[in-house]
Amino acid sequence: MTQSWQFWALLSASFAALTAIFAKIGVGSVNSDLATLVRTGVILLVAAGIVAVTGQWQRPTEISGRAWLFLTLSGVATGASWLAYFRALKLGDAARVAPLDKLSIVLVALFGVLFLGEKLSLVNWLGVGLIAAGALLLAVF
């Protein structure tokens, strides 16, 4: 079961749901940018601990320039996403912010097709459309 991508994706979704709830409570009396900094520091410590304990460290010189570039871009995008997400949570209800944030699923599908050459079936596109409609219904109405 732990070798299945579905297991890890559902675990990720569960933690993401808890993230929204915990963040909404935590950001109540704190500036949203500072809250993001605190969260980032915790993530850095946890990730460093996991890499150290599991022996997954590798020398930075073993990582290709292309990997460095795209991991850096991913980090910048993640940081921007977190800053925007915490600001949205500061201003809005978690039950409305989180679904709108999940429009990222729709964007990943579109970007995957446009930039990575991935292919989606008609049924897949129907699912993407339903996710978009559901997110908008939750967030707007």
Protein backbone atom coordinates (compact mmCIF):
# COMPACT_ATOMS: atom_id res chain seq x y z
CA MET A 1 0.00 0.00 0.00
CA THR A 2 2.81 2.47 0.83
CA GLN A 3 4.31 1.80 -2.63
CA SER A 4 1.18 3.16 -4.31
CA TRP A 5 1.06 6.72 -5.61
CA GLN A 6 -2.66 6.77 -4.74
CA PHE A 7 -1.88 6.12 -1.06
CA TRP A 8 0.57 9.04 -0.93
CA ALA A 9 -1.75 11.33 -2.90
CA LEU A 10 -4.62 10.68 -0.47
CA LEU A 11 -2.27 11.19 2.47
CA SER A 12 -1.17 14.47 0.89
CA ALA A 13 -4.80 15.56 0.48
CA SER A 14 -5.51 14.73 4.13
CA PHE A 15 -2.54 16.75 5.33
CA ALA A 16 -3.47 19.60 2.97
CA ALA A 17 -6.95 19.68 4.53
CA LEU A 18 -5.43 19.85 8.01
CA THR A 19 -3.06 22.56 6.77
CA ALA A 20 -6.01 24.78 5.86
CA ILE A 21 -7.72 24.29 9.21
CA PHE A 22 -4.57 24.70 11.33
CA ALA A 23 -3.43 27.70 9.26
CA LYS A 24 -6.81 29.45 9.52
CA ILE A 25 -6.67 29.14 13.30
CA GLY A 26 -3.00 30.12 13.49
CA VAL A 27 -3.16 33.12 11.17
CA GLY A 28 -6.00 34.68 13.17
CA SER A 29 -3.76 36.93 15.26
CA VAL A 30 -0.57 36.91 13.15
CA ASN A 31 0.45 38.70 9.97
CA SER A 32 -0.04 36.26 7.09
CA ASP A 33 3.51 36.71 5.74
CA LEU A 34 5.02 36.03 9.16
CA ALA A 35 2.77 32.98 9.50
CA THR A 36 4.12 31.73 6.17
CA LEU A 37 7.69 32.24 7.41
CA VAL A 38 6.99 30.23 10.57
CA ARG A 39 5.39 27.45 8.54
CA THR A 40 8.34 27.42 6.13
CA GLY A 41 10.83 27.14 8.98
CA VAL A 42 8.97 24.19 10.43
CA ILE A 43 8.86 22.49 7.02
CA LEU A 44 12.60 23.06 6.56
CA LEU A 45 13.38 21.45 9.93
CA VAL A 46 11.06 18.49 9.34
CA ALA A 47 12.36 17.84 5.81
CA ALA A 48 15.99 18.13 6.96
CA GLY A 49 15.26 15.68 9.78
CA ILE A 50 13.67 13.17 7.42
CA VAL A 51 16.58 13.37 4.96
CA ALA A 52 19.11 13.00 7.79
CA VAL A 53 17.35 10.11 9.54
CA THR A 54 16.70 8.15 6.34
CA GLY A 55 20.16 8.77 4.91
CA GLN A 56 18.85 10.33 1.70
CA TRP A 57 21.36 13.18 1.61
CA GLN A 58 23.37 13.57 -1.57
CA ARG A 59 26.07 16.05 -2.48
CA PRO A 60 24.79 19.17 -4.22
CA THR A 61 27.34 18.60 -7.00
CA GLU A 62 25.56 15.32 -7.85
CA ILE A 63 22.43 17.25 -8.80
CA SER A 64 22.27 18.40 -12.42
CA GLY A 65 22.01 22.07 -13.34
CA ARG A 66 18.64 21.43 -14.94
CA ALA A 67 17.34 19.82 -11.74
CA TRP A 68 18.65 22.78 -9.70
CA LEU A 69 16.92 25.22 -12.04
CA PHE A 70 13.54 23.53 -11.91
CA LEU A 71 13.70 22.78 -8.18
CA THR A 72 14.52 26.45 -7.59
CA LEU A 73 11.63 27.56 -9.79
CA SER A 74 9.37 25.12 -7.94
CA GLY A 75 10.52 26.59 -4.63
CA VAL A 76 9.79 30.13 -5.81
CA ALA A 77 6.34 29.07 -7.02
CA THR A 78 5.68 27.24 -3.74
CA GLY A 79 6.67 30.28 -1.72
CA ALA A 80 4.46 32.56 -3.77
CA SER A 81 1.60 30.08 -3.47
CA TRP A 82 1.96 29.85 0.31
CA LEU A 83 2.12 33.62 0.73
CA ALA A 84 -1.03 34.05 -1.36
CA TYR A 85 -2.77 31.15 0.40
CA PHE A 86 -2.09 32.47 3.89
CA ARG A 87 -3.22 35.95 2.84
CA ALA A 88 -6.43 34.44 1.45
CA LEU A 89 -6.97 32.48 4.69
CA LYS A 90 -6.43 35.64 6.71
CA LEU A 91 -9.16 37.37 4.71
CA GLY A 92 -11.60 34.56 3.97
CA ASP A 93 -13.22 31.38 5.25
CA ALA A 94 -11.11 28.22 5.00
CA ALA A 95 -14.11 26.38 3.52
CA ARG A 96 -14.15 28.86 0.62
CA VAL A 97 -10.43 29.56 0.22
CA ALA A 98 -9.31 25.91 0.01
CA PRO A 99 -11.65 24.91 -2.85
CA LEU A 100 -10.62 27.92 -4.91
CA ASP A 101 -6.98 27.06 -4.22
CA LYS A 102 -7.71 23.60 -5.60
CA LEU A 103 -8.27 25.11 -9.02
CA SER A 104 -4.56 24.33 -9.15
CA ILE A 105 -5.71 20.82 -10.12
CA VAL A 106 -7.35 22.25 -13.23
CA LEU A 107 -4.25 24.31 -14.02
CA VAL A 108 -1.96 21.29 -13.55
CA ALA A 109 -4.07 19.35 -16.06
CA LEU A 110 -3.87 22.20 -18.56
CA PHE A 111 -0.15 22.82 -18.02
CA GLY A 112 0.58 19.09 -18.14
CA VAL A 113 -1.03 18.87 -21.57
CA LEU A 114 0.47 22.11 -22.88
CA PHE A 115 4.01 21.87 -21.52
CA LEU A 116 4.66 18.21 -20.70
CA GLY A 117 2.85 16.57 -23.59
CA GLU A 118 0.56 14.59 -21.30
CA LYS A 119 -2.67 13.28 -22.75
CA LEU A 120 -6.06 13.29 -21.05
CA SER A 121 -9.09 11.33 -22.22
CA LEU A 122 -12.56 12.82 -22.61
CA VAL A 123 -13.50 11.31 -19.24
CA ASN A 124 -10.42 12.94 -17.69
CA TRP A 125 -11.42 16.32 -19.12
CA LEU A 126 -14.92 15.81 -17.74
CA GLY A 127 -13.36 15.28 -14.31
CA VAL A 128 -11.27 18.44 -14.70
CA GLY A 129 -14.41 20.37 -15.62
CA LEU A 130 -16.29 18.98 -12.62
CA ILE A 131 -13.45 19.93 -10.29
CA ALA A 132 -13.49 23.46 -11.70
CA ALA A 133 -17.26 23.71 -11.35
CA GLY A 134 -17.21 22.29 -7.82
CA ALA A 135 -14.44 24.63 -6.68
CA LEU A 136 -16.28 27.62 -8.08
CA LEU A 137 -19.61 26.55 -6.54
CA LEU A 138 -17.98 26.18 -3.12
CA ALA A 139 -16.02 29.41 -3.29
CA VAL A 140 -18.43 31.77 -4.98
CA PHE A 141 -21.95 30.79 -3.92
